[in-house]
């Protein structure tokens, strides 16, 4: 895992950007911290510039808590909190283990938006214990499609979801609906079956694929492989929700 120290032996976190008033990344109004670095290679990624781990802004946990605290009165009144997104926050586990207890001490609700593509180590268990909610991305329940779409098997992310269920940690499950790739009826039915096995599921979101991040790939000189894939329509999403059984 990534770990960097400053001259005072404080762990340095790599941060890509912030959103002060997020409304879709957890309950209530959220202060969203987008972490730098991601190990997956999702073909539809709209934050392509977050992939390199050694880029972004440097923050100590104290500096980040101070920044977040300035907005606390705005997001707490809505029942909101802080969402750690990315990129992939779990690439910076030591930094999270410094940050999360400080947010908890301030009574701030925390959520982590993650692929869950990590083995359940003791360090991961400690992070899970310190976090109130997980927004877990299931890239595709079909493992072969998942490997082609994001570069990795779905085995770890499904085990991650099962572990969260076993300890009754609240989760939201998200899947991006990519026309012709993640919208097959058989796969959606298998997703429904998997979701029914989870006893801690608070929300399921079917997110419409869009190509709004394509320009970031082009600006970085990268090939956007889904250039010929149409954006998912509201009808596409409604069909998928019906199959999965999402209200």
C-alpha atoms as a PDB file:
ATOM      1  CA  UNK A   1       0.000   0.000   0.000  1.00  0.00           C
ATOM      2  CA  UNK A   2       1.044   3.596  -0.564  1.00  0.00           C
ATOM      3  CA  UNK A   3       2.608   5.330   2.433  1.00  0.00           C
ATOM      4  CA  UNK A   4       4.548   8.576   2.565  1.00  0.00           C
ATOM      5  CA  UNK A   5       5.826  10.514   5.596  1.00  0.00           C
ATOM      6  CA  UNK A   6       6.669  14.172   6.054  1.00  0.00           C
ATOM      7  CA  UNK A   7       9.638  15.455   8.069  1.00  0.00           C
ATOM      8  CA  UNK A   8       7.643  15.089  11.293  1.00  0.00           C
ATOM      9  CA  UNK A   9       6.752  11.459  10.534  1.00  0.00           C
ATOM     10  CA  UNK A  10       3.135  12.348   9.803  1.00  0.00           C
ATOM     11  CA  UNK A  11       1.534  10.068   7.220  1.00  0.00           C
ATOM     12  CA  UNK A  12       0.820  11.966   4.031  1.00  0.00           C
ATOM     13  CA  UNK A  13      -2.382  11.353   2.099  1.00  0.00           C
ATOM     14  CA  UNK A  14      -2.600  11.950  -1.627  1.00  0.00           C
ATOM     15  CA  UNK A  15      -5.811  13.800  -2.484  1.00  0.00           C
ATOM     16  CA  UNK A  16      -7.132  14.500  -5.956  1.00  0.00           C
ATOM     17  CA  UNK A  17      -9.959  16.950  -5.215  1.00  0.00           C
ATOM     18  CA  UNK A  18     -12.940  17.831  -3.023  1.00  0.00           C
ATOM     19  CA  UNK A  19     -16.680  18.357  -3.348  1.00  0.00           C
ATOM     20  CA  UNK A  20     -18.109  20.503  -0.575  1.00  0.00           C
ATOM     21  CA  UNK A  21     -21.805  19.735  -1.018  1.00  0.00           C
ATOM     22  CA  UNK A  22     -22.163  16.257  -2.489  1.00  0.00           C
ATOM     23  CA  UNK A  23     -25.723  14.964  -2.705  1.00  0.00           C
ATOM     24  CA  UNK A  24     -25.331  11.465  -4.181  1.00  0.00           C
ATOM     25  CA  UNK A  25     -22.489   9.838  -2.242  1.00  0.00           C
ATOM     26  CA  UNK A  26     -24.251   8.763   0.919  1.00  0.00           C
ATOM     27  CA  UNK A  27     -27.085  10.050   3.104  1.00  0.00           C
ATOM     28  CA  UNK A  28     -27.622  13.783   3.467  1.00  0.00           C
ATOM     29  CA  UNK A  29     -25.201  16.418   2.255  1.00  0.00           C
ATOM     30  CA  UNK A  30     -21.653  15.035   2.027  1.00  0.00           C
ATOM     31  CA  UNK A  31     -18.196  16.547   2.040  1.00  0.00           C
ATOM     32  CA  UNK A  32     -16.543  14.291  -0.543  1.00  0.00           C
ATOM     33  CA  UNK A  33     -12.803  13.663  -0.541  1.00  0.00           C
ATOM     34  CA  UNK A  34     -11.538  12.177  -3.805  1.00  0.00           C
ATOM     35  CA  UNK A  35      -8.368  10.215  -3.095  1.00  0.00           C
ATOM     36  CA  UNK A  36      -5.571   9.995  -5.619  1.00  0.00           C
ATOM     37  CA  UNK A  37      -4.627   6.595  -6.998  1.00  0.00           C
ATOM     38  CA  UNK A  38      -6.546   3.594  -8.287  1.00  0.00           C
ATOM     39  CA  UNK A  39      -5.462   0.053  -9.091  1.00  0.00           C
ATOM     40  CA  UNK A  40      -8.410  -0.822 -11.318  1.00  0.00           C
ATOM     41  CA  UNK A  41      -8.573   0.119 -14.977  1.00  0.00           C
ATOM     42  CA  UNK A  42     -12.290   0.641 -15.560  1.00  0.00           C
ATOM     43  CA  UNK A  43     -12.929   1.399 -19.214  1.00  0.00           C
ATOM     44  CA  UNK A  44     -15.760   3.780 -18.291  1.00  0.00           C
ATOM     45  CA  UNK A  45     -13.853   5.651 -15.564  1.00  0.00           C
ATOM     46  CA  UNK A  46     -14.809   9.330 -15.536  1.00  0.00           C
ATOM     47  CA  UNK A  47     -11.922  10.201 -13.195  1.00  0.00           C
ATOM     48  CA  UNK A  48      -9.086   8.855 -15.356  1.00  0.00           C
ATOM     49  CA  UNK A  49      -6.729  11.469 -13.915  1.00  0.00           C
ATOM     50  CA  UNK A  50      -7.028   9.901 -10.442  1.00  0.00           C
ATOM     51  CA  UNK A  51      -5.209   6.697 -11.428  1.00  0.00           C
ATOM     52  CA  UNK A  52      -1.540   7.666 -10.750  1.00  0.00           C
ATOM     53  CA  UNK A  53      -0.820   7.194  -7.036  1.00  0.00           C
ATOM     54  CA  UNK A  54       2.004   9.731  -6.816  1.00  0.00           C
ATOM     55  CA  UNK A  55       0.060  12.695  -8.177  1.00  0.00           C
ATOM     56  CA  UNK A  56      -2.436  14.957  -6.413  1.00  0.00           C
ATOM     57  CA  UNK A  57      -2.207  17.206  -3.353  1.00  0.00           C
ATOM     58  CA  UNK A  58      -0.480  16.227  -0.127  1.00  0.00           C
ATOM     59  CA  UNK A  59      -2.381  16.401   3.177  1.00  0.00           C
ATOM     60  CA  UNK A  60      -1.712  15.243   6.698  1.00  0.00           C
ATOM     61  CA  UNK A  61      -4.761  13.860   8.503  1.00  0.00           C
ATOM     62  CA  UNK A  62      -4.819  16.954  10.760  1.00  0.00           C
ATOM     63  CA  UNK A  63      -4.805  19.277   7.760  1.00  0.00           C
ATOM     64  CA  UNK A  64      -7.617  17.328   6.124  1.00  0.00           C
ATOM     65  CA  UNK A  65      -9.721  17.253   9.310  1.00  0.00           C
ATOM     66  CA  UNK A  66      -9.259  21.018   9.660  1.00  0.00           C
ATOM     67  CA  UNK A  67     -10.508  21.528   6.092  1.00  0.00           C
ATOM     68  CA  UNK A  68     -13.487  19.227   6.605  1.00  0.00           C
ATOM     69  CA  UNK A  69     -14.391  20.848   9.934  1.00  0.00           C
ATOM     70  CA  UNK A  70     -15.011  24.197   8.260  1.00  0.00           C
ATOM     71  CA  UNK A  71     -18.035  22.636   6.546  1.00  0.00           C
ATOM     72  CA  UNK A  72     -19.290  20.532   9.450  1.00  0.00           C
ATOM     73  CA  UNK A  73     -22.247  22.738  10.351  1.00  0.00           C
ATOM     74  CA  UNK A  74     -23.542  22.542   6.786  1.00  0.00           C
ATOM     75  CA  UNK A  75     -23.471  18.787   6.292  1.00  0.00           C
ATOM     76  CA  UNK A  76     -24.366  17.598   9.800  1.00  0.00           C
ATOM     77  CA  UNK A  77     -27.670  19.483   9.864  1.00  0.00           C
ATOM     78  CA  UNK A  78     -28.778  17.419   6.844  1.00  0.00           C
ATOM     79  CA  UNK A  79     -27.846  14.113   8.453  1.00  0.00           C
ATOM     80  CA  UNK A  80     -24.828  13.965   6.166  1.00  0.00           C
ATOM     81  CA  UNK A  81     -21.131  13.534   6.717  1.00  0.00           C
ATOM     82  CA  UNK A  82     -17.899  12.796   4.903  1.00  0.00           C
ATOM     83  CA  UNK A  83     -17.485  10.394   1.999  1.00  0.00           C
ATOM     84  CA  UNK A  84     -14.017   9.168   1.061  1.00  0.00           C
ATOM     85  CA  UNK A  85     -14.024   8.409  -2.648  1.00  0.00           C
ATOM     86  CA  UNK A  86     -11.553   8.413  -5.480  1.00  0.00           C
ATOM     87  CA  UNK A  87      -9.688   6.961  -7.119  1.00  0.00           C
ATOM     88  CA  UNK A  88      -9.543   4.263  -4.477  1.00  0.00           C
ATOM     89  CA  UNK A  89      -9.314   5.292  -0.797  1.00  0.00           C
ATOM     90  CA  UNK A  90      -8.277   1.813   0.355  1.00  0.00           C
ATOM     91  CA  UNK A  91      -4.951   2.169  -1.436  1.00  0.00           C
ATOM     92  CA  UNK A  92      -4.006   4.562   1.397  1.00  0.00           C
ATOM     93  CA  UNK A  93      -4.864   2.413   4.392  1.00  0.00           C
ATOM     94  CA  UNK A  94      -2.373   3.869   6.879  1.00  0.00           C
ATOM     95  CA  UNK A  95      -3.641   7.364   6.170  1.00  0.00           C
ATOM     96  CA  UNK A  96      -7.242   6.202   6.658  1.00  0.00           C
ATOM     97  CA  UNK A  97      -6.306   4.675  10.011  1.00  0.00           C
ATOM     98  CA  UNK A  98      -5.111   8.105  11.103  1.00  0.00           C
ATOM     99  CA  UNK A  99      -7.998  10.041   9.586  1.00  0.00           C
ATOM    100  CA  UNK A 100     -11.064   7.975  10.504  1.00  0.00           C
ATOM    101  CA  UNK A 101     -10.619   8.039  14.329  1.00  0.00           C
ATOM    102  CA  UNK A 102     -10.310  11.828  14.200  1.00  0.00           C
ATOM    103  CA  UNK A 103     -13.542  12.151  12.226  1.00  0.00           C
ATOM    104  CA  UNK A 104     -15.259   9.714  14.588  1.00  0.00           C
ATOM    105  CA  UNK A 105     -14.098  11.765  17.593  1.00  0.00           C
ATOM    106  CA  UNK A 106     -15.822  14.783  16.036  1.00  0.00           C
ATOM    107  CA  UNK A 107     -19.051  12.807  15.626  1.00  0.00           C
ATOM    108  CA  UNK A 108     -18.876  12.940  11.812  1.00  0.00           C
ATOM    109  CA  UNK A 109     -20.622  10.188   9.855  1.00  0.00           C
ATOM    110  CA  UNK A 110     -18.188   8.534   7.452  1.00  0.00           C
ATOM    111  CA  UNK A 111     -18.651   6.583   4.240  1.00  0.00           C
ATOM    112  CA  UNK A 112     -16.073   4.958   1.981  1.00  0.00           C
ATOM    113  CA  UNK A 113     -16.773   4.571  -1.729  1.00  0.00           C
ATOM    114  CA  UNK A 114     -14.674   1.608  -2.859  1.00  0.00           C
ATOM    115  CA  UNK A 115     -14.368  -1.194  -5.369  1.00  0.00           C
ATOM    116  CA  UNK A 116     -13.753  -3.559  -2.450  1.00  0.00           C
ATOM    117  CA  UNK A 117     -11.044  -5.201  -4.531  1.00  0.00           C
ATOM    118  CA  UNK A 118      -8.923  -5.993  -1.474  1.00  0.00           C
ATOM    119  CA  UNK A 119      -8.389  -9.055   0.718  1.00  0.00           C
ATOM    120  CA  UNK A 120      -9.876  -8.830   4.213  1.00  0.00           C
ATOM    121  CA  UNK A 121      -6.702  -8.226   6.211  1.00  0.00           C
ATOM    122  CA  UNK A 122      -6.506  -7.091   9.838  1.00  0.00           C
ATOM    123  CA  UNK A 123      -5.815  -3.561   8.633  1.00  0.00           C
ATOM    124  CA  UNK A 124      -8.865  -3.601   6.374  1.00  0.00           C
ATOM    125  CA  UNK A 125     -10.965  -4.894   9.280  1.00  0.00           C
ATOM    126  CA  UNK A 126      -9.859  -1.957  11.421  1.00  0.00           C
ATOM    127  CA  UNK A 127     -10.796   0.482   8.677  1.00  0.00           C
ATOM    128  CA  UNK A 128     -14.190  -1.196   8.304  1.00  0.00           C
ATOM    129  CA  UNK A 129     -14.809  -0.954  12.048  1.00  0.00           C
ATOM    130  CA  UNK A 130     -14.068   2.787  11.959  1.00  0.00           C
ATOM    131  CA  UNK A 131     -16.380   3.482   9.011  1.00  0.00           C
ATOM    132  CA  UNK A 132     -20.154   3.950   9.262  1.00  0.00           C
ATOM    133  CA  UNK A 133     -21.171   3.081   5.692  1.00  0.00           C
ATOM    134  CA  UNK A 134     -19.646   1.512   2.595  1.00  0.00           C
ATOM    135  CA  UNK A 135     -20.626   2.422  -0.958  1.00  0.00           C
ATOM    136  CA  UNK A 136     -19.507  -0.724  -2.732  1.00  0.00           C
ATOM    137  CA  UNK A 137     -19.122  -0.897  -6.496  1.00  0.00           C
ATOM    138  CA  UNK A 138     -19.940  -4.240  -8.055  1.00  0.00           C
ATOM    139  CA  UNK A 139     -18.489  -3.792 -11.509  1.00  0.00           C
ATOM    140  CA  UNK A 140     -20.260  -6.818 -12.995  1.00  0.00           C
ATOM    141  CA  UNK A 141     -21.489 -10.050 -11.424  1.00  0.00           C
ATOM    142  CA  UNK A 142     -20.244 -11.882 -14.532  1.00  0.00           C
ATOM    143  CA  UNK A 143     -16.573 -12.465 -13.758  1.00  0.00           C
ATOM    144  CA  UNK A 144     -15.391 -12.691 -17.363  1.00  0.00           C
ATOM    145  CA  UNK A 145     -17.081  -9.422 -18.251  1.00  0.00           C
ATOM    146  CA  UNK A 146     -15.683  -7.858 -15.091  1.00  0.00           C
ATOM    147  CA  UNK A 147     -12.128  -8.880 -16.000  1.00  0.00           C
ATOM    148  CA  UNK A 148     -12.474  -7.365 -19.461  1.00  0.00           C
ATOM    149  CA  UNK A 149     -14.183  -4.193 -18.224  1.00  0.00           C
ATOM    150  CA  UNK A 150     -11.955  -3.284 -15.266  1.00  0.00           C
ATOM    151  CA  UNK A 151      -8.914  -5.539 -15.596  1.00  0.00           C
ATOM    152  CA  UNK A 152      -9.603  -7.688 -12.525  1.00  0.00           C
ATOM    153  CA  UNK A 153     -11.800 -10.512 -11.304  1.00  0.00           C
ATOM    154  CA  UNK A 154     -14.834  -9.686  -9.153  1.00  0.00           C
ATOM    155  CA  UNK A 155     -13.912 -12.342  -6.570  1.00  0.00           C
ATOM    156  CA  UNK A 156     -12.420  -9.962  -4.006  1.00  0.00           C
ATOM    157  CA  UNK A 157     -15.198  -7.385  -4.260  1.00  0.00           C
ATOM    158  CA  UNK A 158     -17.875 -10.032  -3.763  1.00  0.00           C
ATOM    159  CA  UNK A 159     -15.992 -11.433  -0.756  1.00  0.00           C
ATOM    160  CA  UNK A 160     -15.711  -7.889   0.566  1.00  0.00           C
ATOM    161  CA  UNK A 161     -19.499  -7.519   0.335  1.00  0.00           C
ATOM    162  CA  UNK A 162     -20.015 -10.862   2.079  1.00  0.00           C
ATOM    163  CA  UNK A 163     -17.715  -9.853   4.916  1.00  0.00           C
ATOM    164  CA  UNK A 164     -19.561  -6.552   5.403  1.00  0.00           C
ATOM    165  CA  UNK A 165     -22.791  -8.539   5.516  1.00  0.00           C
ATOM    166  CA  UNK A 166     -21.375 -10.977   8.078  1.00  0.00           C
ATOM    167  CA  UNK A 167     -20.669  -8.137  10.521  1.00  0.00           C
ATOM    168  CA  UNK A 168     -23.835  -6.162   9.657  1.00  0.00           C
ATOM    169  CA  UNK A 169     -21.931  -3.148   8.362  1.00  0.00           C
ATOM    170  CA  UNK A 170     -24.350  -0.966   6.341  1.00  0.00           C
ATOM    171  CA  UNK A 171     -23.675  -0.895   2.609  1.00  0.00           C
ATOM    172  CA  UNK A 172     -25.004   0.656  -0.551  1.00  0.00           C
ATOM    173  CA  UNK A 173     -24.364  -1.398  -3.687  1.00  0.00           C
ATOM    174  CA  UNK A 174     -23.750   0.382  -6.966  1.00  0.00           C
ATOM    175  CA  UNK A 175     -23.406  -0.879 -10.519  1.00  0.00           C
ATOM    176  CA  UNK A 176     -22.784   1.146 -13.641  1.00  0.00           C
ATOM    177  CA  UNK A 177     -25.133   0.041 -16.422  1.00  0.00           C
ATOM    178  CA  UNK A 178     -23.077  -0.069 -19.620  1.00  0.00           C
ATOM    179  CA  UNK A 179     -25.250  -0.882 -22.669  1.00  0.00           C
ATOM    180  CA  UNK A 180     -24.301  -4.175 -24.267  1.00  0.00           C
ATOM    181  CA  UNK A 181     -21.826  -5.004 -21.477  1.00  0.00           C
ATOM    182  CA  UNK A 182     -23.320  -4.950 -17.964  1.00  0.00           C
ATOM    183  CA  UNK A 183     -27.005  -4.974 -18.934  1.00  0.00           C
ATOM    184  CA  UNK A 184     -27.524  -8.655 -19.852  1.00  0.00           C
ATOM    185  CA  UNK A 185     -30.666 -10.047 -18.240  1.00  0.00           C
ATOM    186  CA  UNK A 186     -28.986 -13.226 -16.973  1.00  0.00           C
ATOM    187  CA  UNK A 187     -26.262 -11.209 -15.255  1.00  0.00           C
ATOM    188  CA  UNK A 188     -28.767  -8.814 -13.721  1.00  0.00           C
ATOM    189  CA  UNK A 189     -30.750 -11.769 -12.383  1.00  0.00           C
ATOM    190  CA  UNK A 190     -27.562 -13.193 -10.877  1.00  0.00           C
ATOM    191  CA  UNK A 191     -26.860  -9.811  -9.341  1.00  0.00           C
ATOM    192  CA  UNK A 192     -30.344  -9.867  -7.823  1.00  0.00           C
ATOM    193  CA  UNK A 193     -29.661 -13.311  -6.373  1.00  0.00           C
ATOM    194  CA  UNK A 194     -26.370 -12.153  -4.848  1.00  0.00           C
ATOM    195  CA  UNK A 195     -27.948  -9.033  -3.369  1.00  0.00           C
ATOM    196  CA  UNK A 196     -30.670 -11.141  -1.736  1.00  0.00           C
ATOM    197  CA  UNK A 197     -27.941 -12.947   0.217  1.00  0.00           C
ATOM    198  CA  UNK A 198     -26.798  -9.737   1.931  1.00  0.00           C
ATOM    199  CA  UNK A 199     -28.476  -8.823   5.218  1.00  0.00           C
ATOM    200  CA  UNK A 200     -26.973  -5.363   5.595  1.00  0.00           C
ATOM    201  CA  UNK A 201     -28.015  -3.836   2.294  1.00  0.00           C
ATOM    202  CA  UNK A 202     -29.476  -0.349   2.691  1.00  0.00           C
ATOM    203  CA  UNK A 203     -29.674   0.785  -0.918  1.00  0.00           C
ATOM    204  CA  UNK A 204     -29.031  -0.416  -4.476  1.00  0.00           C
ATOM    205  CA  UNK A 205     -28.180   2.037  -7.222  1.00  0.00           C
ATOM    206  CA  UNK A 206     -28.117   1.315 -10.944  1.00  0.00           C
ATOM    207  CA  UNK A 207     -26.029   4.125 -12.391  1.00  0.00           C
ATOM    208  CA  UNK A 208     -26.379   5.069 -16.053  1.00  0.00           C
ATOM    209  CA  UNK A 209     -23.161   4.840 -18.040  1.00  0.00           C
ATOM    210  CA  UNK A 210     -22.147   8.110 -19.667  1.00  0.00           C
ATOM    211  CA  UNK A 211     -19.115   9.255 -21.614  1.00  0.00           C
ATOM    212  CA  UNK A 212     -18.713  12.648 -19.945  1.00  0.00           C
ATOM    213  CA  UNK A 213     -15.233  11.675 -18.778  1.00  0.00           C
ATOM    214  CA  UNK A 214     -14.041  10.820 -22.280  1.00  0.00           C
ATOM    215  CA  UNK A 215     -12.311  14.174 -22.674  1.00  0.00           C
ATOM    216  CA  UNK A 216     -10.078  13.422 -19.673  1.00  0.00           C
ATOM    217  CA  UNK A 217      -8.806  10.276 -21.397  1.00  0.00           C
ATOM    218  CA  UNK A 218      -8.180  12.242 -24.593  1.00  0.00           C
ATOM    219  CA  UNK A 219      -6.400  15.060 -22.737  1.00  0.00           C
ATOM    220  CA  UNK A 220      -4.093  12.459 -21.194  1.00  0.00           C
ATOM    221  CA  UNK A 221      -3.411  10.918 -24.597  1.00  0.00           C
ATOM    222  CA  UNK A 222      -5.224   7.699 -23.635  1.00  0.00           C
ATOM    223  CA  UNK A 223      -7.464   5.555 -25.818  1.00  0.00           C
ATOM    224  CA  UNK A 224     -11.101   5.577 -24.667  1.00  0.00           C
ATOM    225  CA  UNK A 225     -12.195   2.039 -25.562  1.00  0.00           C
ATOM    226  CA  UNK A 226     -15.917   2.617 -25.070  1.00  0.00           C
ATOM    227  CA  UNK A 227     -16.124   5.451 -27.582  1.00  0.00           C
ATOM    228  CA  UNK A 228     -18.716   3.550 -29.642  1.00  0.00           C
ATOM    229  CA  UNK A 229     -20.876   2.543 -26.665  1.00  0.00           C
ATOM    230  CA  UNK A 230     -24.059   4.645 -26.324  1.00  0.00           C
ATOM    231  CA  UNK A 231     -24.937   6.317 -23.061  1.00  0.00           C
ATOM    232  CA  UNK A 232     -27.482   4.418 -20.990  1.00  0.00           C
ATOM    233  CA  UNK A 233     -30.963   5.897 -21.209  1.00  0.00           C
ATOM    234  CA  UNK A 234     -33.549   6.295 -18.467  1.00  0.00           C
ATOM    235  CA  UNK A 235     -35.407   3.406 -20.103  1.00  0.00           C
ATOM    236  CA  UNK A 236     -32.289   1.233 -19.910  1.00  0.00           C
ATOM    237  CA  UNK A 237     -31.943   1.971 -16.208  1.00  0.00           C
ATOM    238  CA  UNK A 238     -35.648   1.386 -15.556  1.00  0.00           C
ATOM    239  CA  UNK A 239     -35.447  -2.019 -17.251  1.00  0.00           C
ATOM    240  CA  UNK A 240     -32.399  -3.016 -15.212  1.00  0.00           C
ATOM    241  CA  UNK A 241     -34.000  -1.872 -11.979  1.00  0.00           C
ATOM    242  CA  UNK A 242     -37.065  -3.954 -12.727  1.00  0.00           C
ATOM    243  CA  UNK A 243     -34.958  -7.062 -13.326  1.00  0.00           C
ATOM    244  CA  UNK A 244     -32.872  -6.514 -10.196  1.00  0.00           C
ATOM    245  CA  UNK A 245     -35.948  -5.620  -8.158  1.00  0.00           C
ATOM    246  CA  UNK A 246     -34.853  -2.121  -7.245  1.00  0.00           C
ATOM    247  CA  UNK A 247     -37.573   0.375  -6.491  1.00  0.00           C
END
